[in-house]
């Protein structure tokens, strides 16, 4: 697996997790990032 693929998978996973938890927790996720 290349670095680009790893980054894309991580981005997709974070995006799916964001959609799953809801936008109410978006501020917490951004502040902790």
Protein backbone atom coordinates (compact mmCIF):
# COMPACT_ATOMS: atom_id res chain seq x y z
CA UNK A 1 0.00 0.00 0.00
CA UNK A 2 1.35 3.40 -0.95
CA UNK A 3 1.36 6.46 1.29
CA UNK A 4 -1.25 8.13 -0.90
CA UNK A 5 -3.59 5.16 -0.52
CA UNK A 6 -3.11 5.16 3.24
CA UNK A 7 -3.95 8.88 3.40
CA UNK A 8 -7.05 8.41 1.27
CA UNK A 9 -8.27 5.51 3.41
CA UNK A 10 -7.68 7.47 6.60
CA UNK A 11 -9.53 10.48 5.17
CA UNK A 12 -12.48 8.34 4.12
CA UNK A 13 -12.58 6.65 7.51
CA UNK A 14 -12.61 10.00 9.32
CA UNK A 15 -15.30 11.27 6.98
CA UNK A 16 -17.51 8.23 7.54
CA UNK A 17 -16.97 8.46 11.29
CA UNK A 18 -17.92 12.15 11.15
CA UNK A 19 -21.14 11.35 9.29
CA UNK A 20 -21.94 8.49 11.65
CA UNK A 21 -21.48 10.44 14.88
CA UNK A 22 -23.35 13.47 13.57
CA UNK A 23 -22.49 17.12 13.10
CA UNK A 24 -23.11 17.95 16.76
CA UNK A 25 -19.67 16.53 17.60
CA UNK A 26 -17.90 18.27 14.71
CA UNK A 27 -16.61 21.12 16.89
CA UNK A 28 -15.14 18.67 19.39
CA UNK A 29 -13.44 16.70 16.60
CA UNK A 30 -11.96 19.87 15.09
CA UNK A 31 -10.71 21.18 18.43
CA UNK A 32 -9.05 17.87 19.31
CA UNK A 33 -7.47 17.44 15.87
